[in-house]
Amino acid sequence: MLEIGQSYQYDFSFNQGDVEAFARLTGDTNPLHLDPEYAAQTPFRRPIMHGLLGASVFSKVLGTIFPGEGTVYLKHEIEFNRPMFVDVVYQAVVTVKELGEKFTAKIETLILDKESGKVTISGEAMVMNRQKVPRFKA
């Protein structure tokens, strides 16, 4: 069962092929993500990953690892704090902040640049899991 304060970390990275596949899948072919010459003219100086590609790791973590199987994503508020780049190791950190009614949990979600520790994505998710979240009555 989940408890307030429980946390889980997951290291990951994406490569340019992943970015290109995400662009094909979503239709977001913004050259900022795909064209090095275009991106060189921006403040980022190189292509950046789609923010939602970076944040998509939370679907894997919450749905298959922590809390895992049976988890239903109810809501997720996300802030994109810094750009993310391919072939950089990041760490997703999820921490249980509150346990609610009807098997729900509020979970803080962060993505950190593993080397610098800087936060690239921050947010808060609400999930439901009947097997892993205790049921509290109002």
N, C-alpha and C. Protein backbone atom coordinates (compact mmCIF):
# COMPACT_ATOMS: atom_id res chain seq x y z
N MET A 1 0.83 -1.19 0.00
CA MET A 1 0.00 0.00 0.00
C MET A 1 0.87 1.25 0.00
N LEU A 2 0.41 2.24 -0.75
CA LEU A 2 1.13 3.52 -0.75
C LEU A 2 0.98 4.23 0.58
N GLU A 3 2.02 4.97 0.93
CA GLU A 3 2.02 5.79 2.13
C GLU A 3 2.55 7.17 1.79
N ILE A 4 2.09 8.18 2.51
CA ILE A 4 2.59 9.54 2.29
C ILE A 4 4.10 9.55 2.52
N GLY A 5 4.80 10.21 1.60
CA GLY A 5 6.26 10.30 1.68
C GLY A 5 7.00 9.26 0.87
N GLN A 6 6.32 8.18 0.48
CA GLN A 6 6.98 7.18 -0.35
C GLN A 6 7.42 7.81 -1.65
N SER A 7 8.58 7.37 -2.16
CA SER A 7 9.14 7.96 -3.36
C SER A 7 9.76 6.88 -4.23
N TYR A 8 9.86 7.17 -5.51
CA TYR A 8 10.48 6.25 -6.46
C TYR A 8 11.25 7.07 -7.50
N GLN A 9 12.44 6.62 -7.86
CA GLN A 9 13.25 7.29 -8.88
C GLN A 9 13.46 6.35 -10.07
N TYR A 10 13.47 6.94 -11.26
CA TYR A 10 13.64 6.15 -12.49
C TYR A 10 14.52 6.95 -13.45
N ASP A 11 15.67 6.38 -13.82
CA ASP A 11 16.58 7.04 -14.75
C ASP A 11 16.22 6.67 -16.19
N PHE A 12 16.35 7.65 -17.10
CA PHE A 12 16.00 7.42 -18.50
C PHE A 12 16.69 8.45 -19.39
N SER A 13 16.67 8.18 -20.67
CA SER A 13 17.09 9.16 -21.68
C SER A 13 16.37 8.81 -22.98
N PHE A 14 16.30 9.79 -23.88
CA PHE A 14 15.73 9.58 -25.20
C PHE A 14 16.78 9.95 -26.23
N ASN A 15 16.72 9.29 -27.40
CA ASN A 15 17.63 9.63 -28.49
C ASN A 15 16.86 10.36 -29.60
N GLN A 16 17.58 10.80 -30.61
CA GLN A 16 16.93 11.57 -31.67
C GLN A 16 15.89 10.74 -32.41
N GLY A 17 16.13 9.45 -32.54
CA GLY A 17 15.13 8.57 -33.16
C GLY A 17 13.83 8.57 -32.39
N ASP A 18 13.91 8.62 -31.06
CA ASP A 18 12.71 8.70 -30.23
C ASP A 18 11.95 10.00 -30.50
N VAL A 19 12.70 11.11 -30.61
CA VAL A 19 12.09 12.41 -30.89
C VAL A 19 11.39 12.38 -32.25
N GLU A 20 12.05 11.81 -33.25
CA GLU A 20 11.46 11.73 -34.59
C GLU A 20 10.21 10.85 -34.59
N ALA A 21 10.24 9.74 -33.85
CA ALA A 21 9.06 8.87 -33.75
C ALA A 21 7.91 9.60 -33.06
N PHE A 22 8.21 10.36 -32.01
CA PHE A 22 7.18 11.14 -31.31
C PHE A 22 6.59 12.19 -32.25
N ALA A 23 7.44 12.83 -33.05
CA ALA A 23 6.97 13.84 -34.00
C ALA A 23 6.02 13.20 -35.03
N ARG A 24 6.38 12.02 -35.52
CA ARG A 24 5.50 11.32 -36.47
C ARG A 24 4.18 10.94 -35.82
N LEU A 25 4.25 10.43 -34.61
CA LEU A 25 3.07 9.96 -33.90
C LEU A 25 2.11 11.10 -33.58
N THR A 26 2.63 12.25 -33.15
CA THR A 26 1.79 13.36 -32.73
C THR A 26 1.50 14.37 -33.83
N GLY A 27 2.34 14.38 -34.86
CA GLY A 27 2.20 15.39 -35.91
C GLY A 27 2.90 16.70 -35.56
N ASP A 28 3.57 16.77 -34.40
CA ASP A 28 4.29 17.98 -34.01
C ASP A 28 5.68 17.94 -34.64
N THR A 29 5.76 18.51 -35.83
CA THR A 29 7.03 18.52 -36.57
C THR A 29 7.71 19.88 -36.50
N ASN A 30 7.51 20.59 -35.42
CA ASN A 30 8.17 21.87 -35.19
C ASN A 30 9.67 21.68 -35.41
N PRO A 31 10.30 22.49 -36.28
CA PRO A 31 11.72 22.31 -36.56
C PRO A 31 12.61 22.52 -35.33
N LEU A 32 12.09 23.12 -34.29
CA LEU A 32 12.85 23.28 -33.05
C LEU A 32 13.26 21.91 -32.48
N HIS A 33 12.48 20.89 -32.80
CA HIS A 33 12.75 19.54 -32.30
C HIS A 33 13.55 18.69 -33.29
N LEU A 34 13.52 19.07 -34.57
CA LEU A 34 14.01 18.16 -35.60
C LEU A 34 15.15 18.70 -36.48
N ASP A 35 15.32 19.99 -36.55
CA ASP A 35 16.26 20.60 -37.50
C ASP A 35 17.39 21.33 -36.76
N PRO A 36 18.59 20.75 -36.75
CA PRO A 36 19.71 21.37 -36.03
C PRO A 36 20.04 22.78 -36.52
N GLU A 37 19.94 23.03 -37.82
CA GLU A 37 20.23 24.36 -38.36
C GLU A 37 19.21 25.38 -37.85
N TYR A 38 17.95 25.01 -37.86
CA TYR A 38 16.91 25.90 -37.35
C TYR A 38 17.12 26.14 -35.85
N ALA A 39 17.32 25.07 -35.09
CA ALA A 39 17.48 25.18 -33.64
C ALA A 39 18.71 26.00 -33.26
N ALA A 40 19.75 25.98 -34.11
CA ALA A 40 20.97 26.75 -33.83
C ALA A 40 20.69 28.24 -33.78
N GLN A 41 19.61 28.67 -34.43
CA GLN A 41 19.26 30.10 -34.45
C GLN A 41 18.35 30.50 -33.28
N THR A 42 18.07 29.57 -32.39
CA THR A 42 17.20 29.84 -31.24
C THR A 42 18.05 29.97 -29.98
N PRO A 43 17.47 30.44 -28.89
CA PRO A 43 18.23 30.52 -27.64
C PRO A 43 18.76 29.17 -27.14
N PHE A 44 18.18 28.05 -27.63
CA PHE A 44 18.60 26.73 -27.18
C PHE A 44 19.86 26.24 -27.90
N ARG A 45 20.13 26.78 -29.09
CA ARG A 45 21.31 26.49 -29.92
C ARG A 45 21.38 25.06 -30.48
N ARG A 46 20.45 24.22 -30.07
CA ARG A 46 20.37 22.85 -30.60
C ARG A 46 18.94 22.36 -30.42
N PRO A 47 18.57 21.30 -31.12
CA PRO A 47 17.19 20.81 -30.99
C PRO A 47 16.86 20.43 -29.55
N ILE A 48 15.63 20.75 -29.15
CA ILE A 48 15.15 20.33 -27.84
C ILE A 48 14.09 19.25 -28.03
N MET A 49 13.91 18.44 -27.00
CA MET A 49 12.88 17.40 -27.06
C MET A 49 11.51 18.03 -26.87
N HIS A 50 10.49 17.38 -27.38
CA HIS A 50 9.12 17.77 -27.08
C HIS A 50 8.93 17.64 -25.57
N GLY A 51 8.33 18.65 -24.95
CA GLY A 51 8.10 18.59 -23.52
C GLY A 51 7.27 17.39 -23.11
N LEU A 52 6.25 17.08 -23.92
CA LEU A 52 5.40 15.95 -23.57
C LEU A 52 6.09 14.60 -23.77
N LEU A 53 7.09 14.54 -24.61
CA LEU A 53 7.87 13.32 -24.71
C LEU A 53 8.60 13.09 -23.39
N GLY A 54 9.23 14.14 -22.87
CA GLY A 54 9.89 14.01 -21.58
C GLY A 54 8.91 13.61 -20.48
N ALA A 55 7.77 14.28 -20.45
CA ALA A 55 6.77 14.01 -19.41
C ALA A 55 6.11 12.64 -19.57
N SER A 56 6.21 12.06 -20.76
CA SER A 56 5.55 10.77 -20.99
C SER A 56 6.13 9.67 -20.11
N VAL A 57 7.32 9.86 -19.59
CA VAL A 57 7.92 8.85 -18.72
C VAL A 57 7.06 8.62 -17.48
N PHE A 58 6.28 9.64 -17.07
CA PHE A 58 5.42 9.46 -15.91
C PHE A 58 4.35 8.41 -16.16
N SER A 59 3.89 8.28 -17.39
CA SER A 59 2.90 7.26 -17.72
C SER A 59 3.49 5.87 -17.46
N LYS A 60 4.74 5.68 -17.87
CA LYS A 60 5.40 4.40 -17.63
C LYS A 60 5.58 4.15 -16.14
N VAL A 61 6.13 5.13 -15.43
CA VAL A 61 6.42 4.95 -14.01
C VAL A 61 5.13 4.70 -13.23
N LEU A 62 4.15 5.59 -13.37
CA LEU A 62 2.93 5.47 -12.58
C LEU A 62 2.11 4.25 -12.98
N GLY A 63 2.08 3.95 -14.27
CA GLY A 63 1.23 2.85 -14.75
C GLY A 63 1.82 1.47 -14.64
N THR A 64 3.16 1.38 -14.58
CA THR A 64 3.75 0.03 -14.59
C THR A 64 4.69 -0.26 -13.42
N ILE A 65 5.13 0.79 -12.70
CA ILE A 65 6.12 0.56 -11.64
C ILE A 65 5.62 1.05 -10.28
N PHE A 66 5.29 2.33 -10.17
CA PHE A 66 4.95 2.95 -8.89
C PHE A 66 3.79 3.91 -9.05
N PRO A 67 2.57 3.63 -8.62
CA PRO A 67 2.19 2.43 -7.90
C PRO A 67 2.10 1.17 -8.76
N GLY A 68 1.97 1.32 -10.09
CA GLY A 68 2.05 0.15 -10.96
C GLY A 68 0.71 -0.30 -11.51
N GLU A 69 0.68 -1.59 -11.86
CA GLU A 69 -0.48 -2.18 -12.52
C GLU A 69 -1.78 -1.81 -11.82
N GLY A 70 -2.77 -1.47 -12.63
CA GLY A 70 -4.08 -1.10 -12.11
C GLY A 70 -4.25 0.40 -11.88
N THR A 71 -3.18 1.17 -12.08
CA THR A 71 -3.25 2.60 -11.85
C THR A 71 -4.00 3.29 -12.99
N VAL A 72 -4.91 4.18 -12.61
CA VAL A 72 -5.64 5.00 -13.56
C VAL A 72 -5.18 6.44 -13.34
N TYR A 73 -4.73 7.06 -14.42
CA TYR A 73 -4.31 8.46 -14.40
C TYR A 73 -5.56 9.33 -14.42
N LEU A 74 -5.77 10.17 -13.42
CA LEU A 74 -6.95 11.01 -13.37
C LEU A 74 -6.67 12.45 -13.78
N LYS A 75 -5.47 12.93 -13.47
CA LYS A 75 -5.15 14.34 -13.74
C LYS A 75 -3.64 14.51 -13.60
N HIS A 76 -3.11 15.49 -14.35
CA HIS A 76 -1.70 15.81 -14.21
C HIS A 76 -1.47 17.26 -14.60
N GLU A 77 -0.99 18.04 -13.66
CA GLU A 77 -0.58 19.42 -13.94
C GLU A 77 0.93 19.43 -14.09
N ILE A 78 1.40 20.01 -15.19
CA ILE A 78 2.83 19.95 -15.53
C ILE A 78 3.35 21.34 -15.84
N GLU A 79 4.56 21.62 -15.37
CA GLU A 79 5.29 22.83 -15.75
C GLU A 79 6.59 22.41 -16.42
N PHE A 80 6.88 23.03 -17.54
CA PHE A 80 8.12 22.77 -18.26
C PHE A 80 9.12 23.85 -17.85
N ASN A 81 10.03 23.50 -16.96
CA ASN A 81 10.92 24.47 -16.34
C ASN A 81 12.19 24.74 -17.14
N ARG A 82 12.71 23.74 -17.81
CA ARG A 82 13.95 23.87 -18.58
C ARG A 82 13.85 22.96 -19.80
N PRO A 83 14.58 23.26 -20.86
CA PRO A 83 14.55 22.38 -22.03
C PRO A 83 15.22 21.04 -21.73
N MET A 84 14.79 20.04 -22.46
CA MET A 84 15.41 18.71 -22.37
C MET A 84 16.03 18.39 -23.71
N PHE A 85 17.13 17.65 -23.67
CA PHE A 85 17.90 17.34 -24.86
C PHE A 85 18.09 15.83 -24.99
N VAL A 86 18.29 15.37 -26.22
CA VAL A 86 18.51 13.94 -26.46
C VAL A 86 19.84 13.51 -25.86
N ASP A 87 19.92 12.23 -25.57
CA ASP A 87 21.13 11.58 -25.08
C ASP A 87 21.66 12.16 -23.77
N VAL A 88 20.77 12.76 -22.98
CA VAL A 88 21.10 13.23 -21.64
C VAL A 88 20.35 12.33 -20.67
N VAL A 89 21.02 11.94 -19.59
CA VAL A 89 20.35 11.10 -18.60
C VAL A 89 19.56 11.99 -17.64
N TYR A 90 18.29 11.66 -17.51
CA TYR A 90 17.38 12.35 -16.61
C TYR A 90 16.89 11.37 -15.56
N GLN A 91 16.34 11.92 -14.48
CA GLN A 91 15.77 11.08 -13.44
C GLN A 91 14.35 11.58 -13.14
N ALA A 92 13.39 10.68 -13.27
CA ALA A 92 12.02 10.96 -12.87
C ALA A 92 11.91 10.60 -11.39
N VAL A 93 11.33 11.51 -10.62
CA VAL A 93 11.13 11.29 -9.19
C VAL A 93 9.65 11.50 -8.89
N VAL A 94 9.01 10.49 -8.34
CA VAL A 94 7.61 10.59 -7.96
C VAL A 94 7.51 10.36 -6.46
N THR A 95 6.74 11.23 -5.80
CA THR A 95 6.61 11.17 -4.34
C THR A 95 5.15 11.32 -3.94
N VAL A 96 4.67 10.43 -3.11
CA VAL A 96 3.28 10.49 -2.63
C VAL A 96 3.15 11.66 -1.67
N LYS A 97 2.25 12.59 -2.00
CA LYS A 97 2.02 13.78 -1.18
C LYS A 97 0.76 13.66 -0.33
N GLU A 98 -0.30 13.08 -0.89
CA GLU A 98 -1.57 12.95 -0.16
C GLU A 98 -2.26 11.67 -0.57
N LEU A 99 -3.01 11.10 0.35
CA LEU A 99 -3.90 9.99 0.05
C LEU A 99 -5.30 10.52 0.21
N GLY A 100 -6.13 10.32 -0.82
CA GLY A 100 -7.47 10.88 -0.83
C GLY A 100 -8.55 9.83 -0.71
N GLU A 101 -9.74 10.24 -1.06
CA GLU A 101 -10.89 9.35 -1.04
C GLU A 101 -10.89 8.45 -2.27
N LYS A 102 -11.60 7.37 -2.17
CA LYS A 102 -11.84 6.48 -3.30
C LYS A 102 -10.56 6.01 -3.97
N PHE A 103 -9.58 5.59 -3.15
CA PHE A 103 -8.35 4.97 -3.63
C PHE A 103 -7.46 5.91 -4.45
N THR A 104 -7.53 7.22 -4.16
CA THR A 104 -6.74 8.18 -4.93
C THR A 104 -5.50 8.63 -4.17
N ALA A 105 -4.50 9.06 -4.94
CA ALA A 105 -3.27 9.60 -4.36
C ALA A 105 -2.82 10.78 -5.19
N LYS A 106 -2.35 11.82 -4.50
CA LYS A 106 -1.74 12.98 -5.15
C LYS A 106 -0.24 12.75 -5.11
N ILE A 107 0.39 12.81 -6.28
CA ILE A 107 1.80 12.47 -6.39
C ILE A 107 2.57 13.62 -7.04
N GLU A 108 3.61 14.07 -6.35
CA GLU A 108 4.51 15.07 -6.93
C GLU A 108 5.34 14.39 -8.00
N THR A 109 5.49 15.06 -9.14
CA THR A 109 6.25 14.50 -10.26
C THR A 109 7.34 15.48 -10.66
N LEU A 110 8.56 15.00 -10.70
CA LEU A 110 9.70 15.82 -11.10
C LEU A 110 10.55 15.06 -12.10
N ILE A 111 11.16 15.82 -13.02
CA ILE A 111 12.23 15.28 -13.84
C ILE A 111 13.44 16.17 -13.61
N LEU A 112 14.53 15.53 -13.26
CA LEU A 112 15.78 16.23 -12.99
C LEU A 112 16.82 15.84 -14.02
N ASP A 113 17.66 16.79 -14.41
CA ASP A 113 18.86 16.47 -15.17
C ASP A 113 19.76 15.72 -14.18
N LYS A 114 20.08 14.50 -14.48
CA LYS A 114 20.79 13.64 -13.51
C LYS A 114 22.14 14.23 -13.14
N GLU A 115 22.84 14.83 -14.10
CA GLU A 115 24.18 15.36 -13.83
C GLU A 115 24.13 16.64 -13.00
N SER A 116 23.27 17.58 -13.39
CA SER A 116 23.24 18.89 -12.72
C SER A 116 22.26 18.94 -11.55
N GLY A 117 21.27 18.05 -11.54
CA GLY A 117 20.24 18.08 -10.51
C GLY A 117 19.17 19.13 -10.76
N LYS A 118 19.27 19.87 -11.86
CA LYS A 118 18.29 20.92 -12.16
C LYS A 118 16.96 20.30 -12.59
N VAL A 119 15.86 20.93 -12.14
CA VAL A 119 14.52 20.45 -12.46
C VAL A 119 14.15 20.89 -13.88
N THR A 120 13.80 19.93 -14.72
CA THR A 120 13.37 20.25 -16.08
C THR A 120 11.85 20.26 -16.21
N ILE A 121 11.19 19.37 -15.48
CA ILE A 121 9.73 19.29 -15.47
C ILE A 121 9.28 19.08 -14.03
N SER A 122 8.23 19.81 -13.64
CA SER A 122 7.67 19.62 -12.31
C SER A 122 6.16 19.55 -12.44
N GLY A 123 5.53 18.90 -11.49
CA GLY A 123 4.08 18.81 -11.55
C GLY A 123 3.50 18.00 -10.43
N GLU A 124 2.22 17.73 -10.60
CA GLU A 124 1.47 16.99 -9.60
C GLU A 124 0.43 16.15 -10.33
N ALA A 125 0.40 14.87 -10.03
CA ALA A 125 -0.54 13.95 -10.66
C ALA A 125 -1.53 13.43 -9.63
N MET A 126 -2.72 13.09 -10.11
CA MET A 126 -3.72 12.42 -9.28
C MET A 126 -3.97 11.07 -9.94
N VAL A 127 -3.80 10.01 -9.16
CA VAL A 127 -4.00 8.67 -9.68
C VAL A 127 -4.96 7.91 -8.77
N MET A 128 -5.50 6.84 -9.33
CA MET A 128 -6.37 5.95 -8.56
C MET A 128 -5.85 4.53 -8.76
N ASN A 129 -5.80 3.76 -7.67
CA ASN A 129 -5.41 2.36 -7.77
C ASN A 129 -6.08 1.62 -6.61
N ARG A 130 -7.06 0.79 -6.94
CA ARG A 130 -7.85 0.10 -5.92
C ARG A 130 -7.04 -0.93 -5.14
N GLN A 131 -5.96 -1.44 -5.69
CA GLN A 131 -5.17 -2.44 -5.00
C GLN A 131 -4.03 -1.84 -4.16
N LYS A 132 -3.56 -0.64 -4.53
CA LYS A 132 -2.34 -0.12 -3.91
C LYS A 132 -2.51 1.19 -3.15
N VAL A 133 -3.69 1.78 -3.21
CA VAL A 133 -3.95 3.03 -2.48
C VAL A 133 -5.06 2.73 -1.47
N PRO A 134 -4.82 3.04 -0.19
CA PRO A 134 -5.87 2.79 0.79
C PRO A 134 -7.11 3.65 0.53
N ARG A 135 -8.26 3.14 0.91
CA ARG A 135 -9.50 3.91 0.73
C ARG A 135 -9.79 4.66 2.02
N PHE A 136 -9.90 5.98 1.91
CA PHE A 136 -10.25 6.80 3.07
C PHE A 136 -11.65 7.34 2.87
N LYS A 137 -12.41 7.39 3.93
CA LYS A 137 -13.78 7.93 3.86
C LYS A 137 -13.76 9.40 4.24
N ALA A 138 -14.68 10.15 3.63
CA ALA A 138 -14.78 11.59 3.92
C ALA A 138 -15.21 11.83 5.34
